[in-house]
Amino acid sequence: KLLVYLGRGIPVAKDYCVLYSLEQDPAKGEIEMYFTTEFPKTVAIELLNADMSVNQLIVERDFKEGGHIVRFDTNTIENGNYFFCLRTDNQKTMKKMTVKNG
């Protein structure tokens, strides 16, 4: 009974998307941001500056269940530290990236 009581209010993992870190560090050129979702969802991927302000919206659309890759060309931004953020109606998660082109 105690475990049931303590388990109330714990979020169900399958209700959330999983955002993975970049394979390339530092990031350069075209990068692939990968995430998974167990249910169809409207997902927004944003690029945030180091101070957490929104630099640009990369994509916002409906995605089916499964794994998804969102591509972004880092040549369109200056070298430096950024975050890429996945946002849905019930979550916001982010990963840090360092951009170093040329």
C-alpha atoms as a PDB file:
ATOM      1  CA  LYS A   1       0.000   0.000   0.000  1.00  0.00           C
ATOM      2  CA  LEU A   2       2.862   2.352   0.804  1.00  0.00           C
ATOM      3  CA  LEU A   3       4.419   1.842  -2.630  1.00  0.00           C
ATOM      4  CA  VAL A   4       1.103   2.577  -4.326  1.00  0.00           C
ATOM      5  CA  TYR A   5       0.675   5.734  -2.239  1.00  0.00           C
ATOM      6  CA  LEU A   6       4.213   6.947  -2.914  1.00  0.00           C
ATOM      7  CA  GLY A   7       3.869   6.139  -6.614  1.00  0.00           C
ATOM      8  CA  ARG A   8       0.874   8.423  -7.100  1.00  0.00           C
ATOM      9  CA  GLY A   9       1.767  11.524  -9.020  1.00  0.00           C
ATOM     10  CA  ILE A  10       4.823   9.988 -10.682  1.00  0.00           C
ATOM     11  CA  PRO A  11       4.693  10.842 -14.388  1.00  0.00           C
ATOM     12  CA  VAL A  12       4.230   7.951 -16.795  1.00  0.00           C
ATOM     13  CA  ALA A  13       7.365   7.791 -18.953  1.00  0.00           C
ATOM     14  CA  LYS A  14       5.480   6.768 -22.098  1.00  0.00           C
ATOM     15  CA  ASP A  15       3.558  10.075 -22.018  1.00  0.00           C
ATOM     16  CA  TYR A  16       6.784  11.972 -22.735  1.00  0.00           C
ATOM     17  CA  CYS A  17       9.153  12.289 -25.671  1.00  0.00           C
ATOM     18  CA  VAL A  18      12.793  11.306 -25.263  1.00  0.00           C
ATOM     19  CA  LEU A  19      15.308  13.787 -26.682  1.00  0.00           C
ATOM     20  CA  TYR A  20      18.807  12.422 -27.343  1.00  0.00           C
ATOM     21  CA  SER A  21      22.139  14.241 -27.252  1.00  0.00           C
ATOM     22  CA  LEU A  22      23.912  14.998 -30.526  1.00  0.00           C
ATOM     23  CA  GLU A  23      26.325  12.391 -31.861  1.00  0.00           C
ATOM     24  CA  GLN A  24      28.702  15.134 -33.018  1.00  0.00           C
ATOM     25  CA  ASP A  25      30.509  17.304 -30.430  1.00  0.00           C
ATOM     26  CA  PRO A  26      31.211  20.084 -31.190  1.00  0.00           C
ATOM     27  CA  ALA A  27      28.388  20.450 -33.686  1.00  0.00           C
ATOM     28  CA  LYS A  28      29.235  21.646 -37.186  1.00  0.00           C
ATOM     29  CA  GLY A  29      27.467  21.752 -40.511  1.00  0.00           C
ATOM     30  CA  GLU A  30      24.154  19.935 -40.700  1.00  0.00           C
ATOM     31  CA  ILE A  31      23.215  18.188 -37.462  1.00  0.00           C
ATOM     32  CA  GLU A  32      20.522  15.645 -36.681  1.00  0.00           C
ATOM     33  CA  MET A  33      18.393  16.066 -33.568  1.00  0.00           C
ATOM     34  CA  TYR A  34      16.777  12.747 -32.670  1.00  0.00           C
ATOM     35  CA  PHE A  35      13.775  12.113 -30.449  1.00  0.00           C
ATOM     36  CA  THR A  36      11.221   9.383 -29.856  1.00  0.00           C
ATOM     37  CA  THR A  37       7.559   9.449 -28.890  1.00  0.00           C
ATOM     38  CA  GLU A  38       5.209   6.590 -28.058  1.00  0.00           C
ATOM     39  CA  PHE A  39       2.101   8.506 -29.140  1.00  0.00           C
ATOM     40  CA  PRO A  40       1.353  10.955 -31.969  1.00  0.00           C
ATOM     41  CA  LYS A  41       2.141  14.461 -30.669  1.00  0.00           C
ATOM     42  CA  THR A  42       2.600  18.048 -31.730  1.00  0.00           C
ATOM     43  CA  VAL A  43       6.279  18.749 -31.132  1.00  0.00           C
ATOM     44  CA  ALA A  44       8.244  21.986 -31.379  1.00  0.00           C
ATOM     45  CA  ILE A  45      12.042  22.037 -31.600  1.00  0.00           C
ATOM     46  CA  GLU A  46      13.584  25.404 -30.738  1.00  0.00           C
ATOM     47  CA  LEU A  47      17.123  26.714 -30.731  1.00  0.00           C
ATOM     48  CA  LEU A  48      17.941  28.625 -27.539  1.00  0.00           C
ATOM     49  CA  ASN A  49      20.845  30.979 -26.935  1.00  0.00           C
ATOM     50  CA  ALA A  50      23.199  30.379 -23.989  1.00  0.00           C
ATOM     51  CA  ASP A  51      20.988  32.673 -21.850  1.00  0.00           C
ATOM     52  CA  MET A  52      17.961  30.431 -22.634  1.00  0.00           C
ATOM     53  CA  SER A  53      16.254  33.002 -24.879  1.00  0.00           C
ATOM     54  CA  VAL A  54      14.700  31.608 -28.053  1.00  0.00           C
ATOM     55  CA  ASN A  55      16.965  32.111 -31.064  1.00  0.00           C
ATOM     56  CA  GLN A  56      14.652  30.438 -33.586  1.00  0.00           C
ATOM     57  CA  LEU A  57      11.907  27.889 -34.031  1.00  0.00           C
ATOM     58  CA  ILE A  58      13.329  24.995 -36.034  1.00  0.00           C
ATOM     59  CA  VAL A  59      10.135  22.977 -36.480  1.00  0.00           C
ATOM     60  CA  GLU A  60       6.633  22.713 -35.025  1.00  0.00           C
ATOM     61  CA  ARG A  61       4.327  20.058 -36.375  1.00  0.00           C
ATOM     62  CA  ASP A  62       2.550  16.785 -35.660  1.00  0.00           C
ATOM     63  CA  PHE A  63       4.738  13.680 -35.442  1.00  0.00           C
ATOM     64  CA  LYS A  64       3.608  10.043 -35.485  1.00  0.00           C
ATOM     65  CA  GLU A  65       4.750   7.581 -32.846  1.00  0.00           C
ATOM     66  CA  GLY A  66       8.314   6.317 -33.233  1.00  0.00           C
ATOM     67  CA  GLY A  67      11.737   7.864 -33.777  1.00  0.00           C
ATOM     68  CA  HIS A  68      12.256  11.119 -35.643  1.00  0.00           C
ATOM     69  CA  ILE A  69      15.217  13.090 -36.946  1.00  0.00           C
ATOM     70  CA  VAL A  70      15.062  16.873 -37.303  1.00  0.00           C
ATOM     71  CA  ARG A  71      17.929  18.342 -39.340  1.00  0.00           C
ATOM     72  CA  PHE A  72      19.393  21.792 -38.747  1.00  0.00           C
ATOM     73  CA  ASP A  73      22.222  23.625 -40.521  1.00  0.00           C
ATOM     74  CA  THR A  74      24.518  25.159 -37.901  1.00  0.00           C
ATOM     75  CA  ASN A  75      26.185  27.296 -40.588  1.00  0.00           C
ATOM     76  CA  THR A  76      23.212  29.674 -40.184  1.00  0.00           C
ATOM     77  CA  ILE A  77      24.280  30.633 -36.635  1.00  0.00           C
ATOM     78  CA  GLU A  78      27.473  31.911 -35.013  1.00  0.00           C
ATOM     79  CA  ASN A  79      29.889  29.618 -33.195  1.00  0.00           C
ATOM     80  CA  GLY A  80      29.138  29.309 -29.488  1.00  0.00           C
ATOM     81  CA  ASN A  81      27.037  27.513 -26.906  1.00  0.00           C
ATOM     82  CA  TYR A  82      23.354  26.839 -27.519  1.00  0.00           C
ATOM     83  CA  PHE A  83      20.563  24.574 -26.363  1.00  0.00           C
ATOM     84  CA  PHE A  84      18.078  22.714 -28.503  1.00  0.00           C
ATOM     85  CA  CYS A  85      14.739  22.338 -26.817  1.00  0.00           C
ATOM     86  CA  LEU A  86      11.897  19.892 -27.420  1.00  0.00           C
ATOM     87  CA  ARG A  87       8.519  21.253 -26.338  1.00  0.00           C
ATOM     88  CA  THR A  88       5.091  19.566 -26.261  1.00  0.00           C
ATOM     89  CA  ASP A  89       1.854  20.377 -24.462  1.00  0.00           C
ATOM     90  CA  ASN A  90       3.062  18.514 -21.347  1.00  0.00           C
ATOM     91  CA  GLN A  91       6.862  18.792 -21.368  1.00  0.00           C
ATOM     92  CA  LYS A  92       9.915  20.867 -22.121  1.00  0.00           C
ATOM     93  CA  THR A  93      13.350  19.258 -22.295  1.00  0.00           C
ATOM     94  CA  MET A  94      16.659  20.482 -23.667  1.00  0.00           C
ATOM     95  CA  LYS A  95      20.196  19.452 -24.518  1.00  0.00           C
ATOM     96  CA  LYS A  96      23.299  21.632 -24.686  1.00  0.00           C
ATOM     97  CA  MET A  97      25.403  21.910 -27.815  1.00  0.00           C
ATOM     98  CA  THR A  98      28.542  23.749 -28.795  1.00  0.00           C
ATOM     99  CA  VAL A  99      28.669  24.964 -32.389  1.00  0.00           C
ATOM    100  CA  LYS A 100      32.094  25.232 -33.991  1.00  0.00           C
ATOM    101  CA  ASN A 101      32.092  25.716 -37.757  1.00  0.00           C
ATOM    102  CA  GLY A 102      35.262  26.387 -39.726  1.00  0.00           C
END
